N, C-alpha and C. Protein backbone atom coordinates (compact mmCIF):
# COMPACT_ATOMS: atom_id res chain seq x y z
N MET A 1 4.42 1.20 -21.75
CA MET A 1 4.63 0.19 -20.72
C MET A 1 4.97 0.85 -19.39
N HIS A 2 5.70 1.96 -19.45
CA HIS A 2 6.07 2.66 -18.22
C HIS A 2 4.82 3.18 -17.50
N ARG A 3 3.86 3.65 -18.27
CA ARG A 3 2.61 4.15 -17.68
C ARG A 3 1.87 3.03 -16.95
N ARG A 4 1.87 1.85 -17.51
CA ARG A 4 1.19 0.70 -16.90
C ARG A 4 1.84 0.34 -15.57
N ARG A 5 3.15 0.40 -15.49
CA ARG A 5 3.85 0.10 -14.23
C ARG A 5 3.49 1.12 -13.16
N ILE A 6 3.36 2.38 -13.55
CA ILE A 6 2.96 3.40 -12.58
C ILE A 6 1.53 3.15 -12.10
N GLU A 7 0.65 2.75 -13.01
CA GLU A 7 -0.73 2.44 -12.64
C GLU A 7 -0.78 1.29 -11.64
N VAL A 8 -0.01 0.25 -11.90
CA VAL A 8 0.02 -0.89 -10.98
C VAL A 8 0.59 -0.48 -9.63
N PHE A 9 1.65 0.33 -9.65
CA PHE A 9 2.25 0.82 -8.41
C PHE A 9 1.22 1.59 -7.60
N LEU A 10 0.51 2.50 -8.24
CA LEU A 10 -0.49 3.31 -7.52
C LEU A 10 -1.66 2.47 -7.02
N GLU A 11 -2.09 1.48 -7.80
CA GLU A 11 -3.17 0.60 -7.35
C GLU A 11 -2.76 -0.14 -6.08
N PHE A 12 -1.58 -0.72 -6.08
CA PHE A 12 -1.10 -1.44 -4.90
C PHE A 12 -0.89 -0.49 -3.73
N LEU A 13 -0.38 0.70 -4.01
CA LEU A 13 -0.13 1.67 -2.95
C LEU A 13 -1.44 2.10 -2.28
N ILE A 14 -2.44 2.43 -3.07
CA ILE A 14 -3.72 2.86 -2.52
C ILE A 14 -4.37 1.71 -1.75
N PHE A 15 -4.34 0.51 -2.32
CA PHE A 15 -4.90 -0.65 -1.63
C PHE A 15 -4.14 -0.92 -0.33
N GLY A 16 -2.82 -0.79 -0.36
CA GLY A 16 -2.02 -1.00 0.84
C GLY A 16 -2.30 0.02 1.92
N ILE A 17 -2.48 1.27 1.52
CA ILE A 17 -2.81 2.30 2.50
C ILE A 17 -4.18 2.04 3.11
N ALA A 18 -5.15 1.71 2.28
CA ALA A 18 -6.50 1.43 2.79
C ALA A 18 -6.50 0.25 3.75
N MET A 19 -5.83 -0.82 3.37
CA MET A 19 -5.79 -1.99 4.25
C MET A 19 -5.01 -1.69 5.53
N GLY A 20 -3.94 -0.91 5.43
CA GLY A 20 -3.17 -0.53 6.61
C GLY A 20 -3.98 0.31 7.57
N VAL A 21 -4.76 1.25 7.03
CA VAL A 21 -5.60 2.10 7.89
C VAL A 21 -6.66 1.26 8.60
N VAL A 22 -7.32 0.39 7.87
CA VAL A 22 -8.35 -0.46 8.49
C VAL A 22 -7.73 -1.35 9.57
N GLU A 23 -6.62 -1.97 9.25
CA GLU A 23 -5.94 -2.85 10.20
C GLU A 23 -5.52 -2.09 11.46
N ASP A 24 -4.92 -0.92 11.27
CA ASP A 24 -4.46 -0.14 12.41
C ASP A 24 -5.62 0.41 13.24
N MET A 25 -6.70 0.79 12.58
CA MET A 25 -7.87 1.29 13.32
C MET A 25 -8.47 0.18 14.19
N ILE A 26 -8.53 -1.02 13.67
CA ILE A 26 -9.02 -2.15 14.46
C ILE A 26 -8.10 -2.38 15.65
N ALA A 27 -6.81 -2.33 15.43
CA ALA A 27 -5.85 -2.54 16.52
C ALA A 27 -5.98 -1.46 17.58
N VAL A 28 -6.13 -0.21 17.17
CA VAL A 28 -6.25 0.89 18.14
C VAL A 28 -7.52 0.73 18.97
N VAL A 29 -8.62 0.42 18.33
CA VAL A 29 -9.89 0.29 19.04
C VAL A 29 -9.84 -0.90 20.01
N LEU A 30 -9.32 -2.02 19.55
CA LEU A 30 -9.27 -3.20 20.42
C LEU A 30 -8.26 -3.05 21.56
N ALA A 31 -7.14 -2.41 21.28
CA ALA A 31 -6.09 -2.29 22.29
C ALA A 31 -6.36 -1.20 23.31
N THR A 32 -6.94 -0.10 22.87
CA THR A 32 -7.11 1.04 23.79
C THR A 32 -8.55 1.28 24.19
N GLY A 33 -9.49 0.89 23.38
CA GLY A 33 -10.89 1.15 23.67
C GLY A 33 -11.28 2.60 23.41
N GLU A 34 -10.39 3.38 22.82
CA GLU A 34 -10.67 4.79 22.52
C GLU A 34 -11.64 4.89 21.35
N PRO A 35 -12.50 5.91 21.37
CA PRO A 35 -13.38 6.12 20.20
C PRO A 35 -12.56 6.64 19.02
N ILE A 36 -13.04 6.37 17.83
CA ILE A 36 -12.36 6.81 16.62
C ILE A 36 -12.63 8.29 16.41
N THR A 37 -11.56 9.07 16.33
CA THR A 37 -11.66 10.50 16.07
C THR A 37 -10.85 10.83 14.82
N TRP A 38 -10.99 12.06 14.33
CA TRP A 38 -10.23 12.48 13.16
C TRP A 38 -8.74 12.48 13.44
N ASN A 39 -8.36 12.85 14.67
CA ASN A 39 -6.94 12.85 15.02
C ASN A 39 -6.34 11.45 14.94
N ILE A 40 -7.06 10.48 15.45
CA ILE A 40 -6.59 9.09 15.39
C ILE A 40 -6.51 8.63 13.94
N LEU A 41 -7.51 8.97 13.15
CA LEU A 41 -7.52 8.57 11.74
C LEU A 41 -6.33 9.17 10.99
N VAL A 42 -6.01 10.42 11.25
CA VAL A 42 -4.87 11.06 10.59
C VAL A 42 -3.56 10.39 11.00
N ILE A 43 -3.39 10.12 12.28
CA ILE A 43 -2.15 9.48 12.75
C ILE A 43 -2.02 8.08 12.16
N VAL A 44 -3.10 7.33 12.16
CA VAL A 44 -3.07 5.97 11.61
C VAL A 44 -2.74 6.02 10.12
N THR A 45 -3.29 6.98 9.39
CA THR A 45 -3.00 7.11 7.96
C THR A 45 -1.54 7.45 7.73
N LEU A 46 -1.01 8.37 8.53
CA LEU A 46 0.40 8.74 8.39
C LEU A 46 1.33 7.57 8.71
N VAL A 47 0.92 6.70 9.60
CA VAL A 47 1.72 5.51 9.91
C VAL A 47 1.60 4.48 8.79
N ALA A 48 0.43 4.35 8.18
CA ALA A 48 0.20 3.33 7.15
C ALA A 48 0.89 3.66 5.83
N ILE A 49 1.05 4.93 5.50
CA ILE A 49 1.60 5.31 4.19
C ILE A 49 3.02 4.77 3.97
N PRO A 50 3.96 4.97 4.89
CA PRO A 50 5.32 4.45 4.60
C PRO A 50 5.36 2.93 4.49
N PHE A 51 4.58 2.23 5.32
CA PHE A 51 4.58 0.78 5.25
C PHE A 51 3.99 0.29 3.93
N ALA A 52 2.95 0.95 3.45
CA ALA A 52 2.37 0.59 2.16
C ALA A 52 3.36 0.86 1.03
N ALA A 53 4.06 1.98 1.09
CA ALA A 53 5.03 2.32 0.04
C ALA A 53 6.18 1.33 0.03
N ILE A 54 6.71 1.00 1.20
CA ILE A 54 7.81 0.03 1.27
C ILE A 54 7.34 -1.34 0.79
N GLY A 55 6.16 -1.74 1.21
CA GLY A 55 5.61 -3.02 0.75
C GLY A 55 5.43 -3.05 -0.75
N GLU A 56 4.97 -1.97 -1.34
CA GLU A 56 4.79 -1.91 -2.78
C GLU A 56 6.12 -1.95 -3.50
N LEU A 57 7.12 -1.27 -2.99
CA LEU A 57 8.43 -1.31 -3.63
C LEU A 57 9.01 -2.71 -3.62
N ILE A 58 8.77 -3.46 -2.57
CA ILE A 58 9.24 -4.84 -2.50
C ILE A 58 8.47 -5.71 -3.49
N VAL A 59 7.16 -5.54 -3.56
CA VAL A 59 6.34 -6.31 -4.49
C VAL A 59 6.71 -5.96 -5.93
N ASP A 60 6.99 -4.69 -6.19
CA ASP A 60 7.29 -4.25 -7.55
C ASP A 60 8.58 -4.85 -8.07
N ARG A 61 9.48 -5.23 -7.21
CA ARG A 61 10.75 -5.84 -7.65
C ARG A 61 10.53 -7.22 -8.23
N ILE A 62 9.37 -7.84 -7.98
CA ILE A 62 9.09 -9.17 -8.50
C ILE A 62 8.73 -9.10 -9.99
N HIS A 63 8.50 -7.92 -10.53
CA HIS A 63 8.14 -7.70 -11.92
C HIS A 63 6.81 -8.36 -12.25
N LEU A 64 5.76 -7.80 -11.71
CA LEU A 64 4.42 -8.32 -11.98
C LEU A 64 4.07 -8.21 -13.45
N ILE A 65 4.57 -7.18 -14.09
CA ILE A 65 4.34 -7.00 -15.52
C ILE A 65 5.66 -7.24 -16.23
N PRO A 66 5.73 -8.26 -17.10
CA PRO A 66 6.99 -8.56 -17.78
C PRO A 66 7.44 -7.40 -18.64
N ARG A 67 8.74 -7.21 -18.71
CA ARG A 67 9.30 -6.17 -19.55
C ARG A 67 9.23 -6.60 -21.02
N THR A 68 9.27 -5.64 -21.91
CA THR A 68 9.14 -5.95 -23.34
C THR A 68 10.32 -6.78 -23.83
N GLU A 69 11.51 -6.59 -23.26
CA GLU A 69 12.67 -7.39 -23.68
C GLU A 69 12.45 -8.86 -23.35
N GLU A 70 11.83 -9.12 -22.21
CA GLU A 70 11.59 -10.50 -21.80
C GLU A 70 10.56 -11.15 -22.73
N LYS A 71 9.58 -10.38 -23.19
CA LYS A 71 8.57 -10.91 -24.11
C LYS A 71 9.19 -11.27 -25.46
N ASN A 72 10.09 -10.42 -25.94
CA ASN A 72 10.71 -10.65 -27.25
C ASN A 72 11.63 -11.86 -27.25
N LYS A 73 12.23 -12.21 -26.12
CA LYS A 73 13.14 -13.35 -26.05
C LYS A 73 12.41 -14.69 -26.11
N LYS A 74 11.15 -14.70 -25.72
CA LYS A 74 10.40 -15.98 -25.68
C LYS A 74 9.86 -16.39 -27.00
């Protein structure tokens, strides 16, 4: 069960990073009009990672996967 929770955490984390990078790249292009370069992509990725991790930790507290103790009580 512990392995499954790690899998779910990583799935949400990777999806959160990807969505954060896309969102931030759109914002940078629309706000500044600068062309997309590798430097901008790296900075945007570094900014997106902590927000995705924090978001995932908050989502993970909701217990998306019920614990085995909770299953046995029902």
